[in-house]
Amino acid sequence: MVFLAGLLGLLLPAGPGLAGEPVKIVALGDSLTAGYGLPAQATFSARLAQALGAKGVAVSITNAGVSGDTASGGLERLDWSVPPGTQAVIIELGANDMLRGIEPEVTKQALATILARLDSRGIPVLLAGMKALPNMGDDYVRAFDRIYPALASTHRVVFYPFFLAGVAGKPALNQADAMHPNAAGIDVIVKRILPRVEELVARARRAHGS
């Protein structure tokens, strides 16, 4: 069910006060994007679309989150997850790579290839970073935590350093598994990342002359 839910587009139509045609955004991610354990209206994509709409920013956001996906998995499904007509992409991948102990260089290369392919299509990207759990060991933590800043320094992306900032490690903002945000946690994520998404939308409008 999570997989199917992740393929559904969550559309916020233009309405009074929303200027211009909605910018078509794809949120490419794992269970954190898909909305594991949450109703559809409480997922990251849905709450982000609502928050942007409240500020007069017209968007349609497709939830392309697949629970359990890795960066390499996101690369494998990139072409059909980000169809023609997409104007911007939010990338939230890597948490499962870290939890499985996948070599950081493998994760970095997969993400770099995703970014390069989207750049070749003229699609602006917001890259949401992830951080390794301390119990992965010092060497792994250092290598993994370098992935996202390094990619942001070499690719033309809007960068948000840590997707779970303000939420990770806070029981009141997470589900019982202590890994997935609850509805309140999603709202914190949306509030924090919103300025970066507004920057992404502005880039998309410039890129497409709208």
N, C-alpha and C. Protein backbone atom coordinates (compact mmCIF):
# COMPACT_ATOMS: atom_id res chain seq x y z
N MET A 1 0.82 -1.20 0.00
CA MET A 1 0.00 0.00 0.00
C MET A 1 0.87 1.26 0.00
N VAL A 2 1.98 1.23 0.75
CA VAL A 2 2.86 2.39 0.78
C VAL A 2 3.43 2.66 -0.60
N PHE A 3 3.79 1.55 -1.31
CA PHE A 3 4.35 1.71 -2.65
C PHE A 3 3.34 2.37 -3.57
N LEU A 4 2.08 1.89 -3.53
CA LEU A 4 1.06 2.46 -4.39
C LEU A 4 0.78 3.91 -4.03
N ALA A 5 0.76 4.19 -2.73
CA ALA A 5 0.52 5.56 -2.30
C ALA A 5 1.62 6.49 -2.78
N GLY A 6 2.83 5.96 -2.83
CA GLY A 6 3.94 6.77 -3.25
C GLY A 6 3.88 7.18 -4.70
N LEU A 7 3.07 6.49 -5.51
CA LEU A 7 2.96 6.79 -6.92
C LEU A 7 1.85 7.77 -7.23
N LEU A 8 1.05 8.08 -6.24
CA LEU A 8 -0.08 8.96 -6.47
C LEU A 8 0.37 10.42 -6.45
N GLY A 9 -0.09 11.21 -7.41
CA GLY A 9 0.20 12.63 -7.41
C GLY A 9 -0.74 13.35 -6.48
N LEU A 10 -0.18 14.21 -5.64
CA LEU A 10 -1.00 15.02 -4.74
C LEU A 10 -1.03 16.43 -5.30
N LEU A 11 -2.17 16.85 -5.78
CA LEU A 11 -2.29 18.08 -6.56
C LEU A 11 -2.94 19.17 -5.76
N LEU A 12 -2.30 20.32 -5.73
CA LEU A 12 -2.91 21.51 -5.17
C LEU A 12 -3.23 22.43 -6.33
N PRO A 13 -4.49 22.54 -6.74
CA PRO A 13 -4.84 23.34 -7.90
C PRO A 13 -4.70 24.82 -7.62
N ALA A 14 -4.49 25.57 -8.69
CA ALA A 14 -4.42 27.01 -8.55
C ALA A 14 -5.77 27.55 -8.13
N GLY A 15 -5.75 28.53 -7.26
CA GLY A 15 -6.99 29.12 -6.79
C GLY A 15 -6.80 30.59 -6.59
N PRO A 16 -7.75 31.27 -5.93
CA PRO A 16 -7.64 32.69 -5.70
C PRO A 16 -6.34 33.02 -4.98
N GLY A 17 -5.61 33.99 -5.52
CA GLY A 17 -4.39 34.43 -4.86
C GLY A 17 -3.16 33.64 -5.27
N LEU A 18 -3.32 32.58 -6.07
CA LEU A 18 -2.18 31.80 -6.54
C LEU A 18 -1.80 32.27 -7.93
N ALA A 19 -0.67 32.92 -8.04
CA ALA A 19 -0.29 33.53 -9.30
C ALA A 19 0.36 32.52 -10.23
N GLY A 20 -0.06 32.54 -11.53
CA GLY A 20 0.57 31.72 -12.54
C GLY A 20 0.15 30.26 -12.49
N GLU A 21 0.66 29.51 -13.48
CA GLU A 21 0.38 28.08 -13.53
C GLU A 21 1.15 27.36 -12.43
N PRO A 22 0.57 26.31 -11.86
CA PRO A 22 1.28 25.57 -10.82
C PRO A 22 2.60 24.99 -11.34
N VAL A 23 3.65 25.11 -10.55
CA VAL A 23 4.93 24.48 -10.87
C VAL A 23 4.82 23.00 -10.54
N LYS A 24 5.18 22.15 -11.50
CA LYS A 24 5.07 20.71 -11.32
C LYS A 24 6.34 20.16 -10.68
N ILE A 25 6.18 19.71 -9.44
CA ILE A 25 7.30 19.22 -8.64
C ILE A 25 7.14 17.72 -8.38
N VAL A 26 8.23 16.99 -8.44
CA VAL A 26 8.24 15.58 -8.03
C VAL A 26 9.10 15.47 -6.78
N ALA A 27 8.56 14.84 -5.74
CA ALA A 27 9.34 14.54 -4.53
C ALA A 27 9.81 13.10 -4.62
N LEU A 28 11.09 12.93 -4.92
CA LEU A 28 11.69 11.61 -5.14
C LEU A 28 12.38 11.17 -3.86
N GLY A 29 11.85 10.13 -3.22
CA GLY A 29 12.44 9.74 -1.95
C GLY A 29 12.07 8.35 -1.50
N ASP A 30 12.23 8.13 -0.21
CA ASP A 30 11.96 6.83 0.40
C ASP A 30 10.72 6.94 1.29
N SER A 31 10.68 6.18 2.38
CA SER A 31 9.50 6.19 3.24
C SER A 31 9.26 7.53 3.91
N LEU A 32 10.31 8.33 4.09
CA LEU A 32 10.14 9.64 4.68
C LEU A 32 9.34 10.55 3.78
N THR A 33 9.49 10.37 2.47
CA THR A 33 8.69 11.10 1.50
C THR A 33 7.34 10.42 1.29
N ALA A 34 7.35 9.10 1.20
CA ALA A 34 6.12 8.36 0.91
C ALA A 34 5.05 8.57 1.98
N GLY A 35 5.50 8.78 3.23
CA GLY A 35 4.54 9.01 4.30
C GLY A 35 4.22 7.74 5.07
N TYR A 36 5.24 6.95 5.34
CA TYR A 36 5.05 5.70 6.08
C TYR A 36 4.28 5.96 7.37
N GLY A 37 3.21 5.19 7.58
CA GLY A 37 2.43 5.27 8.81
C GLY A 37 1.53 6.47 8.93
N LEU A 38 1.41 7.25 7.85
CA LEU A 38 0.60 8.47 7.89
C LEU A 38 -0.53 8.43 6.87
N PRO A 39 -1.65 9.10 7.15
CA PRO A 39 -2.69 9.25 6.14
C PRO A 39 -2.19 10.14 5.00
N ALA A 40 -2.78 9.99 3.83
CA ALA A 40 -2.29 10.70 2.64
C ALA A 40 -2.21 12.20 2.86
N GLN A 41 -3.17 12.76 3.60
CA GLN A 41 -3.20 14.21 3.78
C GLN A 41 -2.13 14.72 4.73
N ALA A 42 -1.44 13.82 5.42
CA ALA A 42 -0.40 14.22 6.37
C ALA A 42 1.00 13.96 5.86
N THR A 43 1.15 13.49 4.62
CA THR A 43 2.47 13.21 4.08
C THR A 43 3.23 14.50 3.79
N PHE A 44 4.52 14.37 3.61
CA PHE A 44 5.37 15.52 3.32
C PHE A 44 4.89 16.28 2.09
N SER A 45 4.59 15.57 1.02
CA SER A 45 4.17 16.24 -0.21
C SER A 45 2.87 17.01 -0.03
N ALA A 46 1.91 16.39 0.65
CA ALA A 46 0.62 17.04 0.84
C ALA A 46 0.74 18.27 1.73
N ARG A 47 1.46 18.14 2.83
CA ARG A 47 1.59 19.26 3.76
C ARG A 47 2.45 20.38 3.16
N LEU A 48 3.44 20.03 2.36
CA LEU A 48 4.25 21.03 1.69
C LEU A 48 3.43 21.81 0.68
N ALA A 49 2.61 21.11 -0.10
CA ALA A 49 1.75 21.78 -1.07
C ALA A 49 0.79 22.74 -0.36
N GLN A 50 0.25 22.32 0.76
CA GLN A 50 -0.66 23.18 1.51
C GLN A 50 0.06 24.42 2.03
N ALA A 51 1.28 24.22 2.55
CA ALA A 51 2.04 25.34 3.10
C ALA A 51 2.40 26.36 2.01
N LEU A 52 2.78 25.86 0.85
CA LEU A 52 3.09 26.76 -0.26
C LEU A 52 1.84 27.49 -0.72
N GLY A 53 0.73 26.77 -0.83
CA GLY A 53 -0.51 27.40 -1.24
C GLY A 53 -0.93 28.51 -0.30
N ALA A 54 -0.71 28.31 0.99
CA ALA A 54 -1.06 29.32 1.98
C ALA A 54 -0.25 30.59 1.80
N LYS A 55 0.91 30.47 1.14
CA LYS A 55 1.76 31.63 0.88
C LYS A 55 1.58 32.17 -0.53
N GLY A 56 0.58 31.65 -1.24
CA GLY A 56 0.31 32.12 -2.59
C GLY A 56 1.22 31.55 -3.65
N VAL A 57 1.85 30.41 -3.36
CA VAL A 57 2.76 29.77 -4.32
C VAL A 57 2.06 28.57 -4.92
N ALA A 58 1.78 28.63 -6.21
CA ALA A 58 1.02 27.57 -6.88
C ALA A 58 1.93 26.43 -7.30
N VAL A 59 1.65 25.23 -6.80
CA VAL A 59 2.44 24.05 -7.15
C VAL A 59 1.53 22.83 -7.26
N SER A 60 2.00 21.83 -7.97
CA SER A 60 1.44 20.48 -7.88
C SER A 60 2.61 19.57 -7.54
N ILE A 61 2.46 18.78 -6.50
CA ILE A 61 3.57 17.94 -6.02
C ILE A 61 3.19 16.47 -6.13
N THR A 62 3.96 15.73 -6.91
CA THR A 62 3.77 14.30 -7.03
C THR A 62 4.62 13.59 -5.99
N ASN A 63 3.99 12.76 -5.18
CA ASN A 63 4.69 11.99 -4.15
C ASN A 63 5.29 10.74 -4.79
N ALA A 64 6.58 10.82 -5.12
CA ALA A 64 7.30 9.68 -5.70
C ALA A 64 8.22 9.06 -4.66
N GLY A 65 7.68 8.89 -3.46
CA GLY A 65 8.42 8.22 -2.41
C GLY A 65 8.09 6.74 -2.39
N VAL A 66 9.10 5.91 -2.26
CA VAL A 66 8.92 4.45 -2.19
C VAL A 66 9.60 3.95 -0.92
N SER A 67 8.82 3.36 -0.04
CA SER A 67 9.35 2.89 1.22
C SER A 67 10.46 1.87 1.00
N GLY A 68 11.57 2.05 1.70
CA GLY A 68 12.70 1.12 1.59
C GLY A 68 13.67 1.44 0.49
N ASP A 69 13.40 2.46 -0.31
CA ASP A 69 14.25 2.74 -1.46
C ASP A 69 15.60 3.29 -1.04
N THR A 70 16.62 2.96 -1.83
CA THR A 70 17.97 3.49 -1.66
C THR A 70 18.24 4.51 -2.76
N ALA A 71 19.40 5.16 -2.69
CA ALA A 71 19.78 6.09 -3.74
C ALA A 71 19.89 5.37 -5.09
N SER A 72 20.44 4.16 -5.07
CA SER A 72 20.54 3.40 -6.32
C SER A 72 19.17 3.02 -6.85
N GLY A 73 18.24 2.70 -5.95
CA GLY A 73 16.88 2.42 -6.37
C GLY A 73 16.22 3.63 -6.99
N GLY A 74 16.46 4.80 -6.41
CA GLY A 74 15.91 6.02 -6.98
C GLY A 74 16.46 6.28 -8.37
N LEU A 75 17.73 5.98 -8.57
CA LEU A 75 18.34 6.14 -9.89
C LEU A 75 17.70 5.20 -10.90
N GLU A 76 17.47 3.96 -10.48
CA GLU A 76 16.89 2.97 -11.40
C GLU A 76 15.50 3.37 -11.89
N ARG A 77 14.74 4.04 -11.05
CA ARG A 77 13.38 4.41 -11.46
C ARG A 77 13.24 5.88 -11.83
N LEU A 78 14.36 6.55 -12.01
CA LEU A 78 14.34 8.00 -12.22
C LEU A 78 13.48 8.41 -13.41
N ASP A 79 13.62 7.73 -14.54
CA ASP A 79 12.95 8.18 -15.75
C ASP A 79 11.43 8.12 -15.64
N TRP A 80 10.89 7.07 -14.99
CA TRP A 80 9.44 7.01 -14.90
C TRP A 80 8.91 7.69 -13.65
N SER A 81 9.76 7.91 -12.66
CA SER A 81 9.33 8.65 -11.48
C SER A 81 9.32 10.16 -11.73
N VAL A 82 10.17 10.59 -12.65
CA VAL A 82 10.25 12.01 -13.02
C VAL A 82 9.90 12.12 -14.50
N PRO A 83 8.61 12.17 -14.82
CA PRO A 83 8.17 12.12 -16.22
C PRO A 83 8.39 13.44 -16.94
N PRO A 84 8.27 13.42 -18.27
CA PRO A 84 8.34 14.67 -19.02
C PRO A 84 7.32 15.67 -18.49
N GLY A 85 7.71 16.92 -18.48
CA GLY A 85 6.83 17.96 -17.95
C GLY A 85 7.13 18.36 -16.53
N THR A 86 7.94 17.54 -15.84
CA THR A 86 8.35 17.89 -14.47
C THR A 86 9.22 19.15 -14.53
N GLN A 87 8.95 20.09 -13.64
CA GLN A 87 9.66 21.36 -13.64
C GLN A 87 10.65 21.52 -12.48
N ALA A 88 10.54 20.68 -11.46
CA ALA A 88 11.46 20.74 -10.32
C ALA A 88 11.39 19.41 -9.58
N VAL A 89 12.47 19.05 -8.91
CA VAL A 89 12.52 17.79 -8.16
C VAL A 89 13.11 18.03 -6.78
N ILE A 90 12.48 17.45 -5.77
CA ILE A 90 13.04 17.38 -4.42
C ILE A 90 13.58 15.97 -4.23
N ILE A 91 14.86 15.84 -3.91
CA ILE A 91 15.48 14.53 -3.72
C ILE A 91 15.71 14.29 -2.23
N GLU A 92 15.11 13.23 -1.72
CA GLU A 92 15.29 12.82 -0.32
C GLU A 92 15.59 11.32 -0.34
N LEU A 93 16.85 10.99 -0.47
CA LEU A 93 17.29 9.60 -0.55
C LEU A 93 18.59 9.44 0.23
N GLY A 94 18.81 8.24 0.74
CA GLY A 94 20.07 7.93 1.41
C GLY A 94 19.92 7.36 2.80
N ALA A 95 18.76 7.57 3.43
CA ALA A 95 18.58 7.04 4.79
C ALA A 95 18.70 5.52 4.81
N ASN A 96 18.11 4.85 3.83
CA ASN A 96 18.18 3.39 3.80
C ASN A 96 19.58 2.90 3.46
N ASP A 97 20.30 3.66 2.65
CA ASP A 97 21.70 3.32 2.37
C ASP A 97 22.47 3.26 3.69
N MET A 98 22.27 4.30 4.50
CA MET A 98 22.97 4.38 5.78
C MET A 98 22.57 3.25 6.71
N LEU A 99 21.28 2.99 6.81
CA LEU A 99 20.81 1.94 7.71
C LEU A 99 21.31 0.55 7.29
N ARG A 100 21.55 0.36 6.01
CA ARG A 100 22.04 -0.92 5.51
C ARG A 100 23.56 -0.98 5.46
N GLY A 101 24.21 0.12 5.79
CA GLY A 101 25.66 0.14 5.76
C GLY A 101 26.25 0.10 4.37
N ILE A 102 25.49 0.59 3.39
CA ILE A 102 26.01 0.63 2.02
C ILE A 102 27.21 1.58 1.95
N GLU A 103 28.22 1.19 1.21
CA GLU A 103 29.41 2.01 1.08
C GLU A 103 29.04 3.43 0.66
N PRO A 104 29.46 4.45 1.40
CA PRO A 104 29.07 5.82 1.08
C PRO A 104 29.38 6.26 -0.34
N GLU A 105 30.47 5.75 -0.90
CA GLU A 105 30.81 6.14 -2.26
C GLU A 105 29.76 5.64 -3.26
N VAL A 106 29.14 4.49 -2.97
CA VAL A 106 28.07 3.98 -3.84
C VAL A 106 26.87 4.92 -3.80
N THR A 107 26.52 5.33 -2.59
CA THR A 107 25.41 6.28 -2.43
C THR A 107 25.70 7.60 -3.12
N LYS A 108 26.90 8.09 -2.91
CA LYS A 108 27.28 9.37 -3.52
C LYS A 108 27.22 9.30 -5.04
N GLN A 109 27.72 8.20 -5.62
CA GLN A 109 27.74 8.09 -7.07
C GLN A 109 26.33 8.00 -7.64
N ALA A 110 25.46 7.28 -6.95
CA ALA A 110 24.06 7.19 -7.42
C ALA A 110 23.40 8.55 -7.39
N LEU A 111 23.58 9.28 -6.30
CA LEU A 111 22.99 10.61 -6.20
C LEU A 111 23.59 11.57 -7.23
N ALA A 112 24.89 11.47 -7.45
CA ALA A 112 25.54 12.33 -8.44
C ALA A 112 25.00 12.06 -9.83
N THR A 113 24.74 10.81 -10.14
CA THR A 113 24.18 10.46 -11.45
C THR A 113 22.76 11.00 -11.59
N ILE A 114 21.97 10.89 -10.53
CA ILE A 114 20.61 11.47 -10.55
C ILE A 114 20.69 12.96 -10.82
N LEU A 115 21.56 13.65 -10.10
CA LEU A 115 21.68 15.10 -10.26
C LEU A 115 22.12 15.46 -11.68
N ALA A 116 23.08 14.72 -12.21
CA ALA A 116 23.58 15.00 -13.56
C ALA A 116 22.49 14.79 -14.60
N ARG A 117 21.71 13.74 -14.44
CA ARG A 117 20.66 13.46 -15.42
C ARG A 117 19.54 14.48 -15.34
N LEU A 118 19.20 14.93 -14.16
CA LEU A 118 18.18 15.97 -14.05
C LEU A 118 18.70 17.30 -14.59
N ASP A 119 19.96 17.58 -14.35
CA ASP A 119 20.56 18.80 -14.89
C ASP A 119 20.54 18.79 -16.42
N SER A 120 20.81 17.62 -16.99
CA SER A 120 20.80 17.52 -18.46
C SER A 120 19.41 17.75 -19.03
N ARG A 121 18.38 17.55 -18.20
CA ARG A 121 17.00 17.79 -18.61
C ARG A 121 16.54 19.20 -18.26
N GLY A 122 17.42 19.99 -17.67
CA GLY A 122 17.08 21.36 -17.32
C GLY A 122 16.11 21.47 -16.15
N ILE A 123 16.14 20.49 -15.24
CA ILE A 123 15.21 20.45 -14.11
C ILE A 123 15.94 20.88 -12.84
N PRO A 124 15.54 21.99 -12.22
CA PRO A 124 16.15 22.40 -10.95
C PRO A 124 15.86 21.39 -9.85
N VAL A 125 16.80 21.27 -8.91
CA VAL A 125 16.71 20.25 -7.86
C VAL A 125 16.94 20.87 -6.48
N LEU A 126 16.16 20.40 -5.52
CA LEU A 126 16.45 20.63 -4.11
C LEU A 126 16.97 19.31 -3.57
N LEU A 127 18.20 19.32 -3.08
CA LEU A 127 18.81 18.13 -2.50
C LEU A 127 18.68 18.20 -0.98
N ALA A 128 17.94 17.24 -0.41
CA ALA A 128 17.77 17.17 1.05
C ALA A 128 18.77 16.16 1.60
N GLY A 129 19.61 16.61 2.49
CA GLY A 129 20.65 15.74 3.03
C GLY A 129 20.17 14.83 4.13
N MET A 130 21.02 13.88 4.47
CA MET A 130 20.75 12.93 5.55
C MET A 130 22.04 12.80 6.36
N LYS A 131 21.91 12.39 7.61
CA LYS A 131 23.07 12.18 8.47
C LYS A 131 23.06 10.75 9.01
N ALA A 132 24.25 10.21 9.22
CA ALA A 132 24.38 8.84 9.70
C ALA A 132 24.15 8.77 11.21
N LEU A 133 23.60 7.65 11.64
CA LEU A 133 23.44 7.41 13.08
C LEU A 133 24.81 7.18 13.71
N PRO A 134 25.02 7.65 14.93
CA PRO A 134 26.33 7.50 15.58
C PRO A 134 26.78 6.05 15.71
N ASN A 135 25.81 5.12 15.83
CA ASN A 135 26.20 3.72 16.03
C ASN A 135 26.72 3.05 14.77
N MET A 136 26.80 3.79 13.67
CA MET A 136 27.37 3.23 12.45
C MET A 136 28.89 3.23 12.49
N GLY A 137 29.48 3.86 13.50
CA GLY A 137 30.94 3.90 13.62
C GLY A 137 31.49 5.22 13.08
N ASP A 138 32.56 5.68 13.69
CA ASP A 138 33.09 7.00 13.35
C ASP A 138 33.50 7.14 11.89
N ASP A 139 34.19 6.13 11.35
CA ASP A 139 34.65 6.22 9.97
C ASP A 139 33.47 6.30 9.00
N TYR A 140 32.47 5.46 9.24
CA TYR A 140 31.30 5.47 8.35
C TYR A 140 30.56 6.80 8.47
N VAL A 141 30.38 7.27 9.69
CA VAL A 141 29.65 8.53 9.90
C VAL A 141 30.35 9.68 9.17
N ARG A 142 31.66 9.75 9.28
CA ARG A 142 32.39 10.83 8.60
C ARG A 142 32.23 10.74 7.10
N ALA A 143 32.36 9.54 6.55
CA ALA A 143 32.26 9.36 5.10
C ALA A 143 30.84 9.65 4.61
N PHE A 144 29.84 9.17 5.33
CA PHE A 144 28.47 9.37 4.90
C PHE A 144 28.07 10.84 5.00
N ASP A 145 28.42 11.47 6.11
CA ASP A 145 27.99 12.85 6.32
C ASP A 145 28.65 13.83 5.35
N ARG A 146 29.71 13.40 4.69
CA ARG A 146 30.35 14.26 3.69
C ARG A 146 29.65 14.21 2.34
N ILE A 147 28.80 13.21 2.11
CA ILE A 147 28.19 13.00 0.80
C ILE A 147 27.45 14.25 0.32
N TYR A 148 26.53 14.73 1.12
CA TYR A 148 25.60 15.76 0.65
C TYR A 148 26.25 17.13 0.49
N PRO A 149 27.05 17.59 1.46
CA PRO A 149 27.75 18.86 1.22
C PRO A 149 28.66 18.82 -0.01
N ALA A 150 29.30 17.66 -0.23
CA ALA A 150 30.18 17.53 -1.40
C ALA A 150 29.38 17.64 -2.69
N LEU A 151 28.23 16.98 -2.75
CA LEU A 151 27.40 17.05 -3.95
C LEU A 151 26.87 18.46 -4.16
N ALA A 152 26.48 19.11 -3.07
CA ALA A 152 25.95 20.47 -3.18
C ALA A 152 27.00 21.45 -3.67
N SER A 153 28.26 21.15 -3.39
CA SER A 153 29.34 22.06 -3.81
C SER A 153 29.70 21.90 -5.28
N THR A 154 29.31 20.79 -5.88
CA THR A 154 29.69 20.52 -7.27
C THR A 154 28.51 20.48 -8.23
N HIS A 155 27.29 20.58 -7.70
CA HIS A 155 26.11 20.57 -8.56
C HIS A 155 25.25 21.80 -8.25
N ARG A 156 24.54 22.26 -9.26
CA ARG A 156 23.72 23.46 -9.11
C ARG A 156 22.38 23.09 -8.48
N VAL A 157 22.38 22.91 -7.18
CA VAL A 157 21.17 22.51 -6.47
C VAL A 157 20.85 23.52 -5.38
N VAL A 158 19.59 23.52 -4.97
CA VAL A 158 19.21 24.15 -3.72
C VAL A 158 19.47 23.10 -2.65
N PHE A 159 20.19 23.47 -1.61
CA PHE A 159 20.64 22.48 -0.63
C PHE A 159 19.99 22.69 0.73
N TYR A 160 19.41 21.60 1.24
CA TYR A 160 18.88 21.59 2.60
C TYR A 160 19.66 20.51 3.34
N PRO A 161 20.53 20.86 4.27
CA PRO A 161 21.52 19.91 4.79
C PRO A 161 20.99 18.64 5.45
N PHE A 162 19.85 18.74 6.16
CA PHE A 162 19.39 17.55 6.90
C PHE A 162 17.86 17.54 6.90
N PHE A 163 17.30 16.57 6.19
CA PHE A 163 15.84 16.49 6.03
C PHE A 163 15.13 16.41 7.37
N LEU A 164 15.72 15.71 8.34
CA LEU A 164 15.07 15.48 9.63
C LEU A 164 15.49 16.49 10.70
N ALA A 165 16.04 17.62 10.29
CA ALA A 165 16.45 18.64 11.25
C ALA A 165 15.26 19.07 12.11
N GLY A 166 15.48 19.12 13.42
CA GLY A 166 14.43 19.53 14.35
C GLY A 166 13.48 18.42 14.73
N VAL A 167 13.63 17.25 14.11
CA VAL A 167 12.71 16.13 14.32
C VAL A 167 13.45 14.89 14.83
N ALA A 168 14.61 14.61 14.26
CA ALA A 168 15.36 13.41 14.65
C ALA A 168 15.66 13.42 16.15
N GLY A 169 15.41 12.28 16.79
CA GLY A 169 15.72 12.13 18.19
C GLY A 169 14.71 12.74 19.15
N LYS A 170 13.58 13.22 18.62
CA LYS A 170 12.55 13.82 19.47
C LYS A 170 11.31 12.94 19.48
N PRO A 171 11.09 12.18 20.54
CA PRO A 171 9.99 11.21 20.59
C PRO A 171 8.62 11.81 20.26
N ALA A 172 8.37 13.02 20.67
CA ALA A 172 7.06 13.64 20.44
C ALA A 172 6.78 13.91 18.97
N LEU A 173 7.83 13.91 18.15
CA LEU A 173 7.69 14.22 16.73
C LEU A 173 7.86 13.00 15.84
N ASN A 174 8.00 11.82 16.47
CA ASN A 174 8.23 10.60 15.70
C ASN A 174 7.22 9.52 16.07
N GLN A 175 7.05 8.58 15.16
CA GLN A 175 6.21 7.42 15.42
C GLN A 175 6.92 6.48 16.41
N ALA A 176 6.24 5.41 16.76
CA ALA A 176 6.76 4.50 17.79
C ALA A 176 8.09 3.88 17.41
N ASP A 177 8.39 3.79 16.10
CA ASP A 177 9.66 3.19 15.68
C ASP A 177 10.84 4.14 15.87
N ALA A 178 10.57 5.38 16.24
CA ALA A 178 11.60 6.40 16.48
C ALA A 178 12.39 6.75 15.23
N MET A 179 11.88 6.35 14.05
CA MET A 179 12.59 6.60 12.80
C MET A 179 11.78 7.44 11.84
N HIS A 180 10.46 7.28 11.88
CA HIS A 180 9.59 7.97 10.92
C HIS A 180 8.81 9.08 11.62
N PRO A 181 8.82 10.28 11.06
CA PRO A 181 8.08 11.38 11.69
C PRO A 181 6.58 11.10 11.74
N ASN A 182 5.95 11.59 12.81
CA ASN A 182 4.49 11.57 12.85
C ASN A 182 3.99 12.84 12.18
N ALA A 183 2.69 13.08 12.22
CA ALA A 183 2.13 14.24 11.52
C ALA A 183 2.72 15.54 12.04
N ALA A 184 2.92 15.63 13.36
CA ALA A 184 3.52 16.84 13.92
C ALA A 184 4.96 17.00 13.45
N GLY A 185 5.68 15.89 13.33
CA GLY A 185 7.05 15.94 12.84
C GLY A 185 7.12 16.40 11.39
N ILE A 186 6.19 15.92 10.57
CA ILE A 186 6.13 16.36 9.17
C ILE A 186 5.92 17.86 9.10
N ASP A 187 5.07 18.39 9.95
CA ASP A 187 4.83 19.83 9.94
C ASP A 187 6.09 20.61 10.30
N VAL A 188 6.90 20.08 11.21
CA VAL A 188 8.16 20.74 11.54
C VAL A 188 9.10 20.72 10.34
N ILE A 189 9.19 19.57 9.68
CA ILE A 189 10.04 19.46 8.49
C ILE A 189 9.61 20.47 7.43
N VAL A 190 8.31 20.52 7.18
CA VAL A 190 7.79 21.43 6.15
C VAL A 190 8.10 22.88 6.50
N LYS A 191 7.89 23.26 7.74
CA LYS A 191 8.16 24.64 8.15
C LYS A 191 9.63 25.01 7.94
N ARG A 192 10.51 24.07 8.27
CA ARG A 192 11.94 24.36 8.16
C ARG A 192 12.44 24.39 6.72
N ILE A 193 11.92 23.49 5.90
CA ILE A 193 12.42 23.38 4.53
C ILE A 193 11.74 24.36 3.57
N LEU A 194 10.64 24.97 4.01
CA LEU A 194 9.81 25.80 3.13
C LEU A 194 10.60 26.89 2.40
N PRO A 195 11.46 27.66 3.06
CA PRO A 195 12.20 28.68 2.32
C PRO A 195 13.05 28.12 1.18
N ARG A 196 13.61 26.95 1.39
CA ARG A 196 14.41 26.32 0.33
C ARG A 196 13.51 25.88 -0.84
N VAL A 197 12.32 25.41 -0.52
CA VAL A 197 11.40 25.00 -1.59
C VAL A 197 10.93 26.22 -2.36
N GLU A 198 10.70 27.32 -1.68
CA GLU A 198 10.34 28.55 -2.39
C GLU A 198 11.45 28.98 -3.34
N GLU A 199 12.69 28.79 -2.92
CA GLU A 199 13.82 29.08 -3.81
C GLU A 199 13.81 28.15 -5.01
N LEU A 200 13.50 26.88 -4.78
CA LEU A 200 13.40 25.91 -5.87
C LEU A 200 12.32 26.31 -6.86
N VAL A 201 11.16 26.71 -6.37
CA VAL A 201 10.06 27.13 -7.24
C VAL A 201 10.48 28.34 -8.08
N ALA A 202 11.18 29.28 -7.45
CA ALA A 202 11.63 30.46 -8.19
C ALA A 202 12.59 30.06 -9.31
N ARG A 203 13.48 29.12 -9.02
CA ARG A 203 14.40 28.63 -10.06
C ARG A 203 13.63 27.97 -11.20
N ALA A 204 12.63 27.19 -10.84
CA ALA A 204 11.84 26.50 -11.86
C ALA A 204 11.11 27.50 -12.74
N ARG A 205 10.54 28.53 -12.14
CA ARG A 205 9.83 29.54 -12.93
C ARG A 205 10.79 30.27 -13.86
N ARG A 206 11.98 30.58 -13.37
CA ARG A 206 12.97 31.23 -14.26
C ARG A 206 13.38 30.31 -15.39
N ALA A 207 13.58 29.03 -15.07
CA ALA A 207 14.04 28.07 -16.08
C ALA A 207 13.00 27.87 -17.17
N HIS A 208 11.72 27.99 -16.79
CA HIS A 208 10.66 27.72 -17.75
C HIS A 208 9.93 28.99 -18.20
N GLY A 209 10.48 30.12 -17.80
CA GLY A 209 9.93 31.39 -18.26
C GLY A 209 8.52 31.66 -17.84
N SER A 210 8.16 31.18 -16.60
CA SER A 210 6.79 31.40 -16.14
C SER A 210 6.79 32.27 -14.89
